[in-house]
């Protein structure tokens, strides 16, 4: 057994681990990064990038189908070749993964260890049966894995997760999808637009990250124009029958029990953090619902007695925000503090920004409706705008959606937004920048808005919010400012 002593040990070579390594290296060369699985981040291998490749194919198919509405007629039947679709997804995905692997292999071989790490003590890690590492500081960046609820396991070998589908060689005929969260919505709609029969089942009424009841209702109705979605499904039974998945459920809005068969059951019911296999009890850390207690501004964990521990956590392992930019930020904070320990420094956290790449897209910025309702219950106002009659949206035939924005009474501060609409990834960035700069609604309305752009819909929502806040100059229904002497 090899014995090694280092200043910093990082468990995991994903997005958070790589970011932590780069930050820690600014302070010490006595560092190791441990990885038990294949190199290549979740984002590149089975997350963001292959998902967007599948979505790109689906958007193309959808655009071709809709071309006749613009007077452009495609002769003959549209043929979707599932093998060709998945071949491109895998090929381009592998390019992204190879780029990540190259960056990992540029790291000094002495600073990379392959194997599964477990805690032997607060400052000791055992890597398989070959290396014991005595580390002054440890960063946990072990990522997450797809959840497979027990009641779905009756689907047997036909139960798949989002990690599996990007290795498919062909598209199936049908999929029962459980979990209309971010991944489920993106993948489910994409498969549907590529000709796969999709039925989506939820449990608690949630659709993606939406918490605003008005936006939730709109999204529910719109998605059901494309595929079956029941966000609060009454599922009676799941079984494997003649090598197909059989699902029995109550048809939405009725008492009628229905049984349908599908090629696969796709579980997109969440990604729990990879903490269980670390034997983390040996680290004597304070825990909360299976995850170490930590300070989100330093990413430092706590001992069971409440004192700071020389252990840090980052990325999906923290079970906070499973987003690549958050994982990179957390990794940087954790690695910097592990490297400079005991000179711990709190770091700035960016405004929350989340985008779901469905069509219409979903975005949440700053505080969600539920957070605003909880923390500003009697002191906030709401503005909204529909995309149905918004000029640029109608031009593109993407005039579906609803935007809701929130502001604080008295101060006029912009608090957050929930949006379901066309190409709102761009609106979301603008709003996140405004939120992080702590801008007021009147300051936001002072910014330029070009015509004709989707951003004009944002201006409409902000004007509506401005009126509800009773802030700044009054805005007439024609969009002209009015005030004393005007």
Protein backbone atom coordinates (compact mmCIF):
# COMPACT_ATOMS: atom_id res chain seq x y z
CA UNK A 1 0.00 0.00 0.00
CA UNK A 2 1.40 3.38 -1.04
CA UNK A 3 1.31 6.16 1.56
CA UNK A 4 1.13 9.78 0.42
CA UNK A 5 0.96 13.10 2.25
CA UNK A 6 -0.45 16.16 0.52
CA UNK A 7 -1.81 19.59 1.35
CA UNK A 8 -5.02 19.15 -0.67
CA UNK A 9 -6.88 16.07 -1.93
CA UNK A 10 -9.81 16.53 -4.33
CA UNK A 11 -12.27 13.67 -4.74
CA UNK A 12 -13.74 13.89 -8.23
CA UNK A 13 -12.51 15.15 -11.59
CA UNK A 14 -15.75 16.62 -12.94
CA UNK A 15 -16.57 20.28 -13.48
CA UNK A 16 -16.36 21.14 -9.77
CA UNK A 17 -13.25 19.03 -9.19
CA UNK A 18 -11.35 20.52 -12.10
CA UNK A 19 -12.29 24.04 -11.01
CA UNK A 20 -11.19 23.24 -7.45
CA UNK A 21 -7.88 21.86 -8.70
CA UNK A 22 -7.10 25.01 -10.71
CA UNK A 23 -7.93 27.27 -7.75
CA UNK A 24 -5.95 25.21 -5.22
CA UNK A 25 -2.91 25.09 -7.51
CA UNK A 26 -2.56 28.87 -7.09
CA UNK A 27 -1.54 28.15 -3.48
CA UNK A 28 0.19 24.76 -3.47
CA UNK A 29 1.68 22.08 -5.71
CA UNK A 30 1.10 19.44 -3.02
CA UNK A 31 -2.22 18.29 -4.42
CA UNK A 32 -3.90 15.15 -5.78
CA UNK A 33 -7.14 14.68 -7.69
CA UNK A 34 -8.85 11.30 -7.33
CA UNK A 35 -11.33 9.89 -9.86
CA UNK A 36 -12.98 6.48 -9.69
CA UNK A 37 -14.95 6.65 -12.92
CA UNK A 38 -14.19 7.65 -16.50
CA UNK A 39 -12.80 11.12 -17.10
CA UNK A 40 -15.19 13.57 -18.71
CA UNK A 41 -17.72 15.72 -16.90
CA UNK A 42 -21.42 14.92 -16.43
CA UNK A 43 -22.18 17.97 -18.59
CA UNK A 44 -20.09 16.74 -21.51
CA UNK A 45 -20.84 13.03 -21.29
CA UNK A 46 -24.50 12.64 -20.30
CA UNK A 47 -25.80 16.12 -19.43
CA UNK A 48 -25.91 19.54 -21.02
CA UNK A 49 -24.11 18.92 -24.29
CA UNK A 50 -25.63 15.64 -25.57
CA UNK A 51 -29.00 16.92 -24.39
CA UNK A 52 -28.66 20.05 -26.52
CA UNK A 53 -27.54 17.92 -29.48
CA UNK A 54 -30.76 15.91 -29.23
CA UNK A 55 -32.78 19.12 -28.85
CA UNK A 56 -31.10 20.65 -31.92
CA UNK A 57 -32.20 17.68 -34.02
CA UNK A 58 -35.73 17.92 -32.62
CA UNK A 59 -35.97 21.65 -33.31
CA UNK A 60 -34.90 21.07 -36.91
CA UNK A 61 -37.59 18.41 -37.38
CA UNK A 62 -40.19 20.72 -35.83
CA UNK A 63 -39.17 23.63 -38.06
CA UNK A 64 -39.48 21.50 -41.19
CA UNK A 65 -42.97 20.39 -40.17
CA UNK A 66 -44.00 24.00 -39.59
CA UNK A 67 -42.46 25.35 -42.80
CA UNK A 68 -45.73 25.36 -44.74
CA UNK A 69 -47.12 28.04 -42.39
CA UNK A 70 -44.51 30.39 -43.91
CA UNK A 71 -45.46 29.40 -47.45
CA UNK A 72 -42.51 26.99 -47.71
CA UNK A 73 -43.68 23.54 -48.77
CA UNK A 74 -41.59 20.42 -48.28
CA UNK A 75 -42.54 17.77 -50.83
CA UNK A 76 -43.19 14.30 -49.58
CA UNK A 77 -43.11 12.73 -46.13
CA UNK A 78 -40.60 13.95 -43.55
CA UNK A 79 -38.39 11.03 -42.60
CA UNK A 80 -36.52 11.02 -39.30
CA UNK A 81 -33.70 8.49 -39.33
CA UNK A 82 -33.19 7.63 -35.67
CA UNK A 83 -29.83 5.97 -36.29
CA UNK A 84 -28.49 9.07 -38.02
CA UNK A 85 -29.85 11.33 -35.27
CA UNK A 86 -28.22 9.31 -32.50
CA UNK A 87 -24.99 8.85 -34.47
CA UNK A 88 -24.53 12.64 -34.59
CA UNK A 89 -25.44 12.98 -30.91
CA UNK A 90 -22.82 10.40 -29.91
CA UNK A 91 -20.17 11.69 -32.31
CA UNK A 92 -20.40 15.31 -31.22
CA UNK A 93 -20.79 14.28 -27.56
CA UNK A 94 -17.56 12.30 -27.80
CA UNK A 95 -15.77 15.38 -29.15
CA UNK A 96 -16.84 17.37 -26.09
CA UNK A 97 -15.76 14.53 -23.79
CA UNK A 98 -12.39 14.18 -25.54
CA UNK A 99 -11.72 17.89 -24.99
CA UNK A 100 -12.34 17.45 -21.26
CA UNK A 101 -10.17 14.34 -21.12
CA UNK A 102 -7.33 16.20 -22.82
CA UNK A 103 -7.50 18.94 -20.19
CA UNK A 104 -7.36 16.33 -17.41
CA UNK A 105 -4.44 14.52 -19.00
CA UNK A 106 -2.52 17.80 -19.12
CA UNK A 107 -2.40 17.61 -15.32
CA UNK A 108 0.84 16.16 -13.90
CA UNK A 109 0.44 12.38 -13.62
CA UNK A 110 1.73 12.55 -10.04
CA UNK A 111 -1.27 14.70 -9.17
CA UNK A 112 -3.83 12.26 -10.60
CA UNK A 113 -4.93 9.06 -8.88
CA UNK A 114 -7.40 6.56 -10.33
CA UNK A 115 -9.69 4.70 -7.97
CA UNK A 116 -12.62 5.01 -5.57
CA UNK A 117 -11.86 7.06 -2.46
CA UNK A 118 -13.37 6.54 0.98
CA UNK A 119 -12.75 8.30 4.26
CA UNK A 120 -10.64 6.36 6.79
CA UNK A 121 -10.59 9.34 9.13
CA UNK A 122 -11.11 13.11 9.16
CA UNK A 123 -7.87 13.68 7.19
CA UNK A 124 -7.26 10.25 5.66
CA UNK A 125 -8.53 8.77 2.39
CA UNK A 126 -8.16 5.20 1.17
CA UNK A 127 -8.15 4.79 -2.63
CA UNK A 128 -9.21 1.24 -3.49
CA UNK A 129 -6.57 -1.06 -1.98
CA UNK A 130 -3.53 0.69 -3.38
CA UNK A 131 -3.08 4.18 -1.87
CA UNK A 132 -3.63 5.83 1.50
CA UNK A 133 -3.66 9.62 1.35
CA UNK A 134 -3.05 11.82 4.38
CA UNK A 135 -4.42 15.22 3.37
CA UNK A 136 -4.37 18.44 5.35
CA UNK A 137 -7.51 19.53 3.46
CA UNK A 138 -10.05 17.61 1.40
CA UNK A 139 -12.50 18.77 -1.30
CA UNK A 140 -15.54 16.56 -1.97
CA UNK A 141 -16.56 16.99 -5.62
CA UNK A 142 -18.05 13.58 -6.32
CA UNK A 143 -21.00 14.74 -8.45
CA UNK A 144 -24.36 12.98 -8.63
CA UNK A 145 -26.03 9.94 -10.18
CA UNK A 146 -29.51 9.36 -11.62
CA UNK A 147 -32.19 8.29 -9.18
CA UNK A 148 -34.17 5.08 -9.76
CA UNK A 149 -37.17 4.95 -7.42
CA UNK A 150 -38.05 1.46 -6.26
CA UNK A 151 -41.56 1.45 -7.76
CA UNK A 152 -40.08 1.92 -11.26
CA UNK A 153 -37.68 -1.03 -10.97
CA UNK A 154 -40.48 -3.38 -12.00
CA UNK A 155 -39.64 -2.26 -15.56
CA UNK A 156 -36.50 -4.42 -15.29
CA UNK A 157 -33.95 -4.03 -18.07
CA UNK A 158 -36.33 -1.64 -19.86
CA UNK A 159 -35.78 0.96 -17.13
CA UNK A 160 -33.31 3.58 -18.35
CA UNK A 161 -32.04 6.95 -17.12
CA UNK A 162 -30.83 10.08 -18.86
CA UNK A 163 -27.29 8.66 -18.56
CA UNK A 164 -28.33 5.74 -20.79
CA UNK A 165 -30.22 7.38 -23.64
CA UNK A 166 -27.21 9.18 -25.09
CA UNK A 167 -25.67 5.78 -25.84
CA UNK A 168 -28.72 4.62 -27.83
CA UNK A 169 -27.97 3.68 -31.43
CA UNK A 170 -31.55 4.26 -32.56
CA UNK A 171 -34.69 6.01 -31.39
CA UNK A 172 -37.41 3.81 -29.86
CA UNK A 173 -41.06 3.87 -30.86
CA UNK A 174 -42.34 4.85 -27.42
CA UNK A 175 -41.19 6.00 -23.97
CA UNK A 176 -42.96 6.39 -20.63
CA UNK A 177 -41.13 9.18 -18.87
CA UNK A 178 -41.35 9.64 -15.11
CA UNK A 179 -40.20 13.02 -13.79
CA UNK A 180 -41.10 16.28 -15.64
CA UNK A 181 -38.15 18.16 -14.20
CA UNK A 182 -35.53 20.04 -16.21
CA UNK A 183 -33.99 16.94 -17.81
CA UNK A 184 -37.31 15.16 -18.27
CA UNK A 185 -38.93 18.11 -20.06
CA UNK A 186 -35.96 18.70 -22.35
CA UNK A 187 -35.48 15.06 -23.32
CA UNK A 188 -39.19 14.24 -23.41
CA UNK A 189 -40.12 17.06 -25.77
CA UNK A 190 -37.10 16.35 -27.97
CA UNK A 191 -38.01 12.67 -28.30
CA UNK A 192 -41.62 13.58 -29.05
CA UNK A 193 -40.59 15.99 -31.81
CA UNK A 194 -38.38 13.26 -33.24
CA UNK A 195 -41.39 10.98 -33.63
CA UNK A 196 -41.24 9.00 -30.39
CA UNK A 197 -44.57 8.46 -28.61
CA UNK A 198 -44.05 10.04 -25.20
CA UNK A 199 -46.24 10.03 -22.12
CA UNK A 200 -44.87 11.98 -19.16
CA UNK A 201 -45.81 11.25 -15.54
CA UNK A 202 -45.27 13.56 -12.56
CA UNK A 203 -46.01 13.13 -8.86
CA UNK A 204 -46.36 16.42 -7.02
CA UNK A 205 -47.71 18.71 -9.74
CA UNK A 206 -44.33 20.29 -10.54
CA UNK A 207 -43.22 21.15 -14.07
CA UNK A 208 -39.51 21.92 -14.26
CA UNK A 209 -38.43 24.73 -11.93
CA UNK A 210 -41.70 26.70 -12.24
CA UNK A 211 -43.30 27.79 -8.96
CA UNK A 212 -45.54 30.65 -10.16
CA UNK A 213 -49.10 29.23 -10.45
CA UNK A 214 -49.93 31.34 -13.52
CA UNK A 215 -46.82 30.27 -15.43
CA UNK A 216 -47.28 26.67 -14.29
CA UNK A 217 -50.83 26.53 -15.62
CA UNK A 218 -49.80 28.02 -18.96
CA UNK A 219 -46.87 25.61 -19.37
CA UNK A 220 -49.04 22.62 -18.45
CA UNK A 221 -51.63 23.50 -21.08
CA UNK A 222 -49.06 24.22 -23.78
CA UNK A 223 -46.92 21.11 -23.34
CA UNK A 224 -50.07 19.00 -23.54
CA UNK A 225 -50.62 20.27 -27.09
CA UNK A 226 -47.49 18.32 -28.06
CA UNK A 227 -47.37 15.26 -25.79
CA UNK A 228 -49.24 13.77 -22.85
CA UNK A 229 -48.08 15.34 -19.59
CA UNK A 230 -49.76 14.71 -16.25
CA UNK A 231 -47.72 16.50 -13.56
CA UNK A 232 -49.77 14.85 -10.81
CA UNK A 233 -50.34 11.41 -12.25
CA UNK A 234 -52.20 8.62 -10.50
CA UNK A 235 -49.99 5.67 -11.48
CA UNK A 236 -51.41 2.33 -10.40
CA UNK A 237 -48.87 -0.20 -11.65
CA UNK A 238 -45.61 -0.67 -13.57
CA UNK A 239 -44.70 -4.08 -15.00
CA UNK A 240 -42.52 -5.77 -17.60
CA UNK A 241 -44.76 -7.73 -19.97
CA UNK A 242 -43.41 -9.53 -23.05
CA UNK A 243 -40.25 -7.40 -22.97
CA UNK A 244 -42.25 -4.18 -22.93
CA UNK A 245 -43.02 -1.78 -20.11
CA UNK A 246 -46.66 -1.78 -19.11
CA UNK A 247 -47.96 1.22 -17.16
CA UNK A 248 -51.42 1.39 -15.63
CA UNK A 249 -52.68 4.83 -14.66
CA UNK A 250 -55.83 6.89 -14.27
CA UNK A 251 -56.50 9.09 -17.28
CA UNK A 252 -56.16 12.73 -16.32
CA UNK A 253 -59.45 14.45 -15.58
CA UNK A 254 -61.38 11.19 -15.36
CA UNK A 255 -61.81 8.09 -13.23
CA UNK A 256 -60.93 5.88 -16.20
CA UNK A 257 -58.05 3.46 -15.64
CA UNK A 258 -55.80 2.96 -18.67
CA UNK A 259 -52.99 0.52 -19.45
CA UNK A 260 -50.40 1.35 -22.12
CA UNK A 261 -47.22 -0.35 -23.24
CA UNK A 262 -43.92 1.33 -24.07
CA UNK A 263 -40.49 0.33 -25.32
CA UNK A 264 -38.75 1.96 -22.35
CA UNK A 265 -39.44 3.57 -19.01
CA UNK A 266 -37.19 6.63 -18.72
CA UNK A 267 -36.62 7.78 -15.13
CA UNK A 268 -35.67 11.45 -14.83
CA UNK A 269 -36.62 11.73 -11.17
CA UNK A 270 -33.54 13.58 -9.95
CA UNK A 271 -29.82 13.10 -9.36
CA UNK A 272 -28.90 12.46 -5.69
CA UNK A 273 -25.36 13.48 -4.67
CA UNK A 274 -22.68 10.77 -4.67
CA UNK A 275 -22.07 10.86 -0.93
CA UNK A 276 -23.24 7.47 0.30
CA UNK A 277 -20.23 5.47 -0.90
CA UNK A 278 -17.64 7.75 0.71
CA UNK A 279 -18.03 6.31 4.24
CA UNK A 280 -18.29 9.95 5.20
CA UNK A 281 -19.20 9.10 8.78
CA UNK A 282 -15.46 8.53 9.28
CA UNK A 283 -14.92 12.26 8.64
CA UNK A 284 -17.08 13.19 11.68
CA UNK A 285 -18.91 15.89 9.72
CA UNK A 286 -22.26 17.41 10.60
CA UNK A 287 -24.86 16.11 8.17
CA UNK A 288 -28.24 17.32 6.94
CA UNK A 289 -30.41 14.95 4.87
CA UNK A 290 -27.39 12.93 3.80
CA UNK A 291 -25.23 15.89 2.77
CA UNK A 292 -22.50 17.60 4.85
CA UNK A 293 -23.51 20.91 6.40
CA UNK A 294 -21.55 23.69 4.68
CA UNK A 295 -21.29 27.45 4.28
CA UNK A 296 -22.30 28.33 0.72
CA UNK A 297 -20.02 31.39 0.71
CA UNK A 298 -16.87 29.44 1.66
CA UNK A 299 -18.02 25.86 0.81
CA UNK A 300 -16.43 24.77 4.11
CA UNK A 301 -18.05 21.87 6.00
CA UNK A 302 -18.57 21.61 9.74
CA UNK A 303 -17.57 19.08 12.37
CA UNK A 304 -20.34 17.45 14.35
CA UNK A 305 -19.64 19.88 17.20
CA UNK A 306 -20.26 22.84 14.87
CA UNK A 307 -16.63 23.88 14.47
CA UNK A 308 -15.20 24.43 10.95
CA UNK A 309 -13.67 21.34 9.34
CA UNK A 310 -10.73 21.20 6.89
CA UNK A 311 -13.18 19.68 4.39
CA UNK A 312 -14.91 21.50 1.55
CA UNK A 313 -17.66 20.46 -0.85
CA UNK A 314 -18.58 21.61 -4.38
CA UNK A 315 -20.80 20.90 -7.36
CA UNK A 316 -23.63 18.38 -7.49
CA UNK A 317 -22.26 16.73 -4.33
CA UNK A 318 -23.52 19.73 -2.36
CA UNK A 319 -27.11 19.07 -3.56
CA UNK A 320 -27.67 22.82 -3.91
CA UNK A 321 -27.91 23.90 -7.57
CA UNK A 322 -27.01 21.13 -10.06
CA UNK A 323 -25.86 23.53 -12.79
CA UNK A 324 -22.50 23.64 -14.55
CA UNK A 325 -21.79 27.33 -13.86
CA UNK A 326 -22.68 26.81 -10.20
CA UNK A 327 -20.45 23.72 -10.02
CA UNK A 328 -17.55 25.69 -11.49
CA UNK A 329 -18.13 28.58 -9.06
CA UNK A 330 -18.39 26.28 -6.07
CA UNK A 331 -15.29 24.38 -7.16
CA UNK A 332 -13.34 27.62 -7.44
CA UNK A 333 -14.45 28.75 -3.97
CA UNK A 334 -13.77 25.35 -2.38
CA UNK A 335 -10.39 24.92 -4.09
CA UNK A 336 -9.25 28.45 -3.27
CA UNK A 337 -10.11 28.04 0.42
CA UNK A 338 -8.61 24.55 0.60
CA UNK A 339 -5.44 25.94 -0.94
CA UNK A 340 -5.17 29.00 1.30
CA UNK A 341 -6.40 27.23 4.49
CA UNK A 342 -6.66 28.35 7.29
CA UNK A 343 -7.06 31.81 5.71
CA UNK A 344 -10.69 31.17 4.72
CA UNK A 345 -12.41 33.84 2.65
CA UNK A 346 -16.07 34.24 1.80
CA UNK A 347 -16.76 34.59 -1.90
CA UNK A 348 -19.41 36.41 -3.89
CA UNK A 349 -22.24 34.18 -5.19
CA UNK A 350 -23.91 35.08 -8.46
CA UNK A 351 -27.62 35.68 -8.91
CA UNK A 352 -29.58 32.52 -9.58
CA UNK A 353 -30.03 31.79 -13.29
CA UNK A 354 -31.70 28.65 -14.60
CA UNK A 355 -32.78 27.90 -18.18
CA UNK A 356 -34.70 24.90 -19.49
CA UNK A 357 -34.16 24.37 -23.22
CA UNK A 358 -37.64 23.27 -24.13
CA UNK A 359 -39.71 25.21 -26.67
CA UNK A 360 -40.99 27.53 -25.38
CA UNK A 361 -38.05 27.80 -23.02
CA UNK A 362 -38.38 28.12 -19.24
CA UNK A 363 -36.24 30.43 -17.15
CA UNK A 364 -36.08 31.45 -13.51
CA UNK A 365 -33.98 34.41 -12.41
CA UNK A 366 -33.15 35.77 -8.98
CA UNK A 367 -35.86 34.79 -6.53
CA UNK A 368 -38.60 32.47 -7.69
CA UNK A 369 -42.25 33.25 -7.05
CA UNK A 370 -42.32 30.86 -4.08
CA UNK A 371 -39.26 32.55 -2.54
CA UNK A 372 -40.71 36.01 -3.10
CA UNK A 373 -44.01 34.92 -1.60
CA UNK A 374 -42.21 33.47 1.42
CA UNK A 375 -39.79 36.33 2.14
CA UNK A 376 -41.73 39.36 0.82
CA UNK A 377 -45.29 38.17 1.38
CA UNK A 378 -46.85 41.57 2.03
CA UNK A 379 -44.27 43.75 0.29
CA UNK A 380 -44.01 42.75 -3.36
CA UNK A 381 -45.83 43.34 -6.62
CA UNK A 382 -46.05 41.35 -9.85
CA UNK A 383 -45.97 42.38 -13.48
CA UNK A 384 -46.66 40.15 -16.44
CA UNK A 385 -46.68 40.01 -20.20
CA UNK A 386 -48.03 37.46 -22.65
CA UNK A 387 -46.03 36.46 -25.71
CA UNK A 388 -49.14 35.59 -27.70
CA UNK A 389 -49.46 39.03 -29.28
CA UNK A 390 -45.82 40.11 -28.92
CA UNK A 391 -44.62 41.36 -32.32
CA UNK A 392 -41.35 39.47 -32.85
CA UNK A 393 -42.79 36.29 -31.35
CA UNK A 394 -45.66 36.37 -33.89
CA UNK A 395 -43.21 36.99 -36.73
CA UNK A 396 -41.36 33.79 -35.79
CA UNK A 397 -44.58 31.82 -35.09
CA UNK A 398 -43.30 31.27 -31.58
CA UNK A 399 -45.97 33.39 -29.92
CA UNK A 400 -46.67 31.23 -26.89
CA UNK A 401 -45.78 31.94 -23.30
CA UNK A 402 -46.11 34.07 -20.21
CA UNK A 403 -43.59 36.18 -18.29
CA UNK A 404 -43.98 37.15 -14.64
CA UNK A 405 -41.61 39.59 -12.92
CA UNK A 406 -41.47 40.56 -9.25
CA UNK A 407 -40.44 43.76 -7.48
CA UNK A 408 -40.20 44.99 -3.90
CA UNK A 409 -42.66 47.59 -2.72
CA UNK A 410 -41.05 50.74 -1.40
CA UNK A 411 -37.52 50.21 -2.73
CA UNK A 412 -38.65 49.27 -6.26
CA UNK A 413 -35.90 46.61 -6.39
CA UNK A 414 -36.23 43.92 -9.04
CA UNK A 415 -36.55 40.64 -7.12
CA UNK A 416 -36.81 37.95 -9.78
CA UNK A 417 -38.75 36.41 -12.64
CA UNK A 418 -40.27 33.21 -13.95
CA UNK A 419 -40.65 33.00 -17.72
CA UNK A 420 -42.14 30.56 -20.21
CA UNK A 421 -41.57 31.88 -23.69
CA UNK A 422 -39.56 32.00 -26.94
CA UNK A 423 -35.76 32.14 -26.69
CA UNK A 424 -35.94 33.39 -23.13
CA UNK A 425 -32.38 32.18 -22.43
CA UNK A 426 -31.37 35.67 -23.62
CA UNK A 427 -33.95 37.53 -21.54
CA UNK A 428 -32.89 35.51 -18.52
CA UNK A 429 -29.28 36.66 -18.86
CA UNK A 430 -30.31 40.30 -19.03
CA UNK A 431 -32.52 39.91 -15.97
CA UNK A 432 -29.83 38.03 -14.02
CA UNK A 433 -27.37 40.86 -14.69
CA UNK A 434 -29.96 43.40 -13.49
CA UNK A 435 -30.68 41.36 -10.38
CA UNK A 436 -27.02 40.98 -9.52
CA UNK A 437 -26.52 44.74 -9.91
CA UNK A 438 -29.51 45.27 -7.56
CA UNK A 439 -31.26 47.47 -10.08
CA UNK A 440 -34.69 48.95 -9.52
CA UNK A 441 -37.52 48.45 -11.99
CA UNK A 442 -37.37 52.11 -13.05
CA UNK A 443 -33.63 51.80 -13.71
CA UNK A 444 -34.30 48.75 -15.87
CA UNK A 445 -36.93 50.66 -17.84
CA UNK A 446 -34.37 53.39 -18.48
CA UNK A 447 -32.33 50.87 -20.50
CA UNK A 448 -32.70 50.78 -24.33
CA UNK A 449 -35.06 48.26 -25.95
CA UNK A 450 -34.73 47.66 -29.68
CA UNK A 451 -37.67 47.11 -32.03
CA UNK A 452 -38.68 44.51 -33.08
CA UNK A 453 -37.17 42.13 -30.50
CA UNK A 454 -38.43 39.66 -27.95
CA UNK A 455 -36.99 42.03 -25.34
CA UNK A 456 -39.95 44.32 -25.95
CA UNK A 457 -42.02 41.72 -24.13
CA UNK A 458 -39.76 42.22 -21.14
CA UNK A 459 -40.37 45.95 -21.29
CA UNK A 460 -44.13 45.32 -21.25
CA UNK A 461 -43.80 43.14 -18.14
CA UNK A 462 -41.58 45.70 -16.41
CA UNK A 463 -44.04 48.50 -17.22
CA UNK A 464 -46.83 46.44 -15.71
CA UNK A 465 -44.71 45.82 -12.61
CA UNK A 466 -43.71 49.49 -12.41
CA UNK A 467 -47.37 50.49 -12.29
CA UNK A 468 -48.10 47.96 -9.55
CA UNK A 469 -45.13 49.22 -7.55
CA UNK A 470 -46.23 52.85 -7.98
CA UNK A 471 -42.62 53.71 -8.75
CA UNK A 472 -41.21 56.34 -11.11
CA UNK A 473 -43.11 58.09 -13.93
CA UNK A 474 -46.52 56.80 -14.89
CA UNK A 475 -46.66 54.84 -18.15
CA UNK A 476 -49.68 55.24 -20.39
CA UNK A 477 -51.17 52.31 -22.21
CA UNK A 478 -49.52 53.64 -25.40
CA UNK A 479 -46.09 53.28 -23.79
CA UNK A 480 -45.44 57.04 -23.38
CA UNK A 481 -44.14 58.39 -20.10
CA UNK A 482 -46.27 61.02 -18.42
CA UNK A 483 -45.76 63.16 -15.37
CA UNK A 484 -45.95 66.72 -14.09
CA UNK A 485 -45.73 69.23 -16.96
CA UNK A 486 -45.85 66.58 -19.71
